[in-house]
Amino acid sequence: MNDKSYQKWEAMSDKSLMETIGSFIQFHRLSKNKSQWQVADAAGISRSTLSLLERGEKVRIDTLI
């Protein structure tokens, strides 16, 4: 993942923020050689929800937290 400067989170659009978070999650999952199933299970969410997160799609805020 290219290391963008994350200095103005409050200025980012919701879509841009979700895409940044999704890229971060996917990058770290792949760097640890984990499947979506493994990470989703450890996080207590469904694999499809993790997929949505990684794609920067909308998810419930309590799921994100």
C-alpha atoms as a PDB file:
ATOM      1  CA  MET A   1       0.000   0.000   0.000  1.00  0.00           C
ATOM      2  CA  ASN A   2       1.472   3.294  -0.894  1.00  0.00           C
ATOM      3  CA  ASP A   3       1.824   5.293   2.261  1.00  0.00           C
ATOM      4  CA  LYS A   4      -0.468   8.240   1.713  1.00  0.00           C
ATOM      5  CA  SER A   5      -0.342  11.012   4.220  1.00  0.00           C
ATOM      6  CA  TYR A   6      -3.415  10.602   6.390  1.00  0.00           C
ATOM      7  CA  GLN A   7      -3.341  14.061   7.850  1.00  0.00           C
ATOM      8  CA  LYS A   8      -6.753  15.451   6.910  1.00  0.00           C
ATOM      9  CA  TRP A   9      -9.258  12.700   7.697  1.00  0.00           C
ATOM     10  CA  GLU A  10     -11.952  15.268   8.466  1.00  0.00           C
ATOM     11  CA  ALA A  11     -11.619  16.741   4.970  1.00  0.00           C
ATOM     12  CA  MET A  12     -12.134  13.392   3.212  1.00  0.00           C
ATOM     13  CA  SER A  13     -15.495  12.469   1.726  1.00  0.00           C
ATOM     14  CA  ASP A  14     -17.260   9.471   3.237  1.00  0.00           C
ATOM     15  CA  LYS A  15     -16.550   7.454   0.078  1.00  0.00           C
ATOM     16  CA  SER A  16     -12.868   8.378   0.080  1.00  0.00           C
ATOM     17  CA  LEU A  17     -12.553   7.570   3.769  1.00  0.00           C
ATOM     18  CA  MET A  18     -14.195   4.144   3.342  1.00  0.00           C
ATOM     19  CA  GLU A  19     -11.930   3.366   0.360  1.00  0.00           C
ATOM     20  CA  THR A  20      -8.856   4.312   2.399  1.00  0.00           C
ATOM     21  CA  ILE A  21      -9.936   2.149   5.321  1.00  0.00           C
ATOM     22  CA  GLY A  22     -10.749  -0.723   2.950  1.00  0.00           C
ATOM     23  CA  SER A  23      -7.356  -0.510   1.261  1.00  0.00           C
ATOM     24  CA  PHE A  24      -5.663  -0.480   4.668  1.00  0.00           C
ATOM     25  CA  ILE A  25      -7.550  -3.590   5.801  1.00  0.00           C
ATOM     26  CA  GLN A  26      -6.896  -5.467   2.569  1.00  0.00           C
ATOM     27  CA  PHE A  27      -3.207  -4.535   2.471  1.00  0.00           C
ATOM     28  CA  HIS A  28      -2.597  -5.794   6.004  1.00  0.00           C
ATOM     29  CA  ARG A  29      -4.688  -8.941   5.497  1.00  0.00           C
ATOM     30  CA  LEU A  30      -2.701  -9.843   2.395  1.00  0.00           C
ATOM     31  CA  SER A  31       0.641  -8.951   3.973  1.00  0.00           C
ATOM     32  CA  LYS A  32      -0.133 -11.521   6.671  1.00  0.00           C
ATOM     33  CA  ASN A  33      -1.200 -14.029   4.008  1.00  0.00           C
ATOM     34  CA  LYS A  34      -4.685 -14.397   5.526  1.00  0.00           C
ATOM     35  CA  SER A  35      -7.873 -15.226   3.664  1.00  0.00           C
ATOM     36  CA  GLN A  36     -10.992 -13.125   3.953  1.00  0.00           C
ATOM     37  CA  TRP A  37     -12.585 -16.070   5.767  1.00  0.00           C
ATOM     38  CA  GLN A  38      -9.829 -16.120   8.412  1.00  0.00           C
ATOM     39  CA  VAL A  39      -9.920 -12.384   9.080  1.00  0.00           C
ATOM     40  CA  ALA A  40     -13.714 -12.186   9.071  1.00  0.00           C
ATOM     41  CA  ASP A  41     -13.960 -15.081  11.529  1.00  0.00           C
ATOM     42  CA  ALA A  42     -11.402 -13.493  13.860  1.00  0.00           C
ATOM     43  CA  ALA A  43     -13.269 -10.170  13.684  1.00  0.00           C
ATOM     44  CA  GLY A  44     -16.657 -11.765  14.264  1.00  0.00           C
ATOM     45  CA  ILE A  45     -18.126 -10.557  10.963  1.00  0.00           C
ATOM     46  CA  SER A  46     -19.187 -12.327   7.782  1.00  0.00           C
ATOM     47  CA  ARG A  47     -16.810 -12.752   4.872  1.00  0.00           C
ATOM     48  CA  SER A  48     -19.180 -10.745   2.684  1.00  0.00           C
ATOM     49  CA  THR A  49     -19.052  -7.836   5.153  1.00  0.00           C
ATOM     50  CA  LEU A  50     -15.253  -7.926   5.088  1.00  0.00           C
ATOM     51  CA  SER A  51     -15.402  -7.920   1.296  1.00  0.00           C
ATOM     52  CA  LEU A  52     -17.642  -4.843   1.402  1.00  0.00           C
ATOM     53  CA  LEU A  53     -15.202  -3.125   3.756  1.00  0.00           C
ATOM     54  CA  GLU A  54     -12.221  -3.893   1.531  1.00  0.00           C
ATOM     55  CA  ARG A  55     -14.051  -2.509  -1.505  1.00  0.00           C
ATOM     56  CA  GLY A  56     -14.880   0.704   0.331  1.00  0.00           C
ATOM     57  CA  GLU A  57     -18.595   0.036   0.327  1.00  0.00           C
ATOM     58  CA  LYS A  58     -20.962   1.219   3.019  1.00  0.00           C
ATOM     59  CA  VAL A  59     -21.259  -0.887   6.145  1.00  0.00           C
ATOM     60  CA  ARG A  60     -22.881  -0.227   9.493  1.00  0.00           C
ATOM     61  CA  ILE A  61     -20.724   1.902  11.748  1.00  0.00           C
ATOM     62  CA  ASP A  62     -20.892  -0.636  14.588  1.00  0.00           C
ATOM     63  CA  THR A  63     -19.516  -3.257  12.180  1.00  0.00           C
ATOM     64  CA  LEU A  64     -16.654  -0.972  11.238  1.00  0.00           C
ATOM     65  CA  ILE A  65     -15.836  -0.257  14.856  1.00  0.00           C
END
